[in-house]
Amino acid sequence: MAAKLRKGDEVIVLVGKDKGQKGTISSIDPKAGKAVVEGINIAIRHQKQSQATQGGRTPKAMPINLSNLAIVDKNGKASRVGFRMDGDNKVRFAKTTGDAI
């Protein structure tokens, strides 16, 4: 089955500590069903000092489950994603507005 969410999509978080926040997908792992969203699900990683880096506490975006994300439609609200044939092309569309993504 084709992935409903892709890299570069603007999404909103449906559940969890970051509920209601919006961000852009920076990477996706469809096999694991997870995506990394910029500015969402931030964890602090401790890095040891070396010659290349100063070290310290660095924030890092951790993966979030795809079921906890929804695409943002043109009205700024969460929407489910559907597929339809547009001529010979298979396109994704927002189910709330019916517009192609």
Protein backbone atom coordinates (compact mmCIF):
# COMPACT_ATOMS: atom_id res chain seq x y z
CA MET A 1 0.00 0.00 0.00
CA ALA A 2 1.24 3.50 -0.78
CA ALA A 3 2.30 5.72 2.12
CA LYS A 4 -0.34 8.29 2.98
CA LEU A 5 2.16 10.71 4.55
CA ARG A 6 5.39 11.69 2.81
CA LYS A 7 8.51 13.73 3.46
CA GLY A 8 7.76 17.45 3.28
CA ASP A 9 4.08 17.16 4.29
CA GLU A 10 2.80 19.55 6.94
CA VAL A 11 1.19 17.52 9.72
CA ILE A 12 -0.51 18.04 13.07
CA VAL A 13 0.00 15.84 16.14
CA LEU A 14 -3.23 14.17 17.32
CA VAL A 15 -2.15 12.67 20.69
CA GLY A 16 0.68 12.88 23.21
CA LYS A 17 2.67 15.64 24.88
CA ASP A 18 2.85 17.67 21.63
CA LYS A 19 -0.87 17.40 20.81
CA GLY A 20 -2.08 20.19 18.51
CA GLN A 21 1.38 21.26 17.33
CA LYS A 22 2.15 21.50 13.63
CA GLY A 23 5.38 20.64 11.83
CA THR A 24 6.92 19.34 8.62
CA ILE A 25 8.00 15.73 8.13
CA SER A 26 11.78 15.59 7.72
CA SER A 27 12.15 11.81 7.36
CA ILE A 28 9.90 8.78 7.31
CA ASP A 29 10.31 5.05 7.93
CA PRO A 30 7.26 3.31 6.41
CA LYS A 31 8.41 -0.16 7.47
CA ALA A 32 8.46 0.86 11.14
CA GLY A 33 5.46 3.17 10.70
CA LYS A 34 7.26 6.17 12.16
CA ALA A 35 8.21 9.68 11.05
CA VAL A 36 10.48 12.42 12.35
CA VAL A 37 8.75 15.81 12.47
CA GLU A 38 10.77 19.01 12.89
CA GLY A 39 10.23 20.54 16.33
CA ILE A 40 7.99 17.71 17.58
CA ASN A 41 8.79 14.99 20.16
CA ILE A 42 12.07 16.62 21.20
CA ALA A 43 14.42 14.68 23.49
CA ILE A 44 17.62 15.93 25.10
CA ARG A 45 20.74 14.02 24.12
CA HIS A 46 23.96 14.38 26.08
CA GLN A 47 27.05 14.62 23.91
CA LYS A 48 30.61 14.25 25.16
CA GLN A 49 33.03 17.01 24.29
CA SER A 50 35.52 16.30 21.52
CA GLN A 51 37.82 18.27 19.25
CA ALA A 52 35.05 18.64 16.68
CA THR A 53 32.15 19.54 19.00
CA GLN A 54 31.81 21.39 22.27
CA GLY A 55 29.43 18.77 23.67
CA GLY A 56 26.64 19.39 26.14
CA ARG A 57 22.89 18.87 25.94
CA THR A 58 21.57 18.89 22.37
CA PRO A 59 17.87 18.68 21.44
CA LYS A 60 16.96 15.98 18.93
CA ALA A 61 13.62 15.23 17.24
CA MET A 62 12.64 11.61 17.90
CA PRO A 63 10.36 9.46 15.70
CA ILE A 64 6.61 9.53 16.26
CA ASN A 65 4.09 6.93 15.13
CA LEU A 66 2.29 7.70 11.85
CA SER A 67 -1.08 6.91 13.46
CA ASN A 68 -0.56 9.91 15.76
CA LEU A 69 -0.18 12.33 12.83
CA ALA A 70 -2.71 13.84 10.42
CA ILE A 71 -2.08 16.00 7.36
CA VAL A 72 -3.09 19.68 7.53
CA ASP A 73 -5.55 20.80 4.86
CA LYS A 74 -5.78 24.29 3.36
CA ASN A 75 -8.04 25.45 6.23
CA GLY A 76 -5.40 24.50 8.81
CA LYS A 77 -7.35 21.56 10.22
CA ALA A 78 -6.46 17.87 10.50
CA SER A 79 -7.58 15.71 7.59
CA ARG A 80 -7.39 12.10 6.54
CA VAL A 81 -5.72 11.20 3.26
CA GLY A 82 -7.40 9.34 0.40
CA PHE A 83 -6.33 8.20 -3.04
CA ARG A 84 -8.11 8.65 -6.37
CA MET A 85 -7.31 8.37 -10.06
CA ASP A 86 -6.88 11.67 -11.88
CA GLY A 87 -6.66 10.51 -15.49
CA ASP A 88 -3.79 8.05 -15.51
CA ASN A 89 -2.23 9.43 -12.31
CA LYS A 90 -2.94 8.26 -8.77
CA VAL A 91 -3.15 11.35 -6.53
CA ARG A 92 -3.54 11.90 -2.80
CA PHE A 93 -6.35 14.16 -1.60
CA ALA A 94 -7.54 15.60 1.69
CA LYS A 95 -10.84 13.99 2.66
CA THR A 96 -12.16 17.10 4.42
CA THR A 97 -11.90 19.42 1.40
CA GLY A 98 -11.41 17.03 -1.50
CA ASP A 99 -8.39 19.00 -2.77
CA ALA A 100 -5.38 17.18 -4.21
CA ILE A 101 -2.27 17.29 -2.06
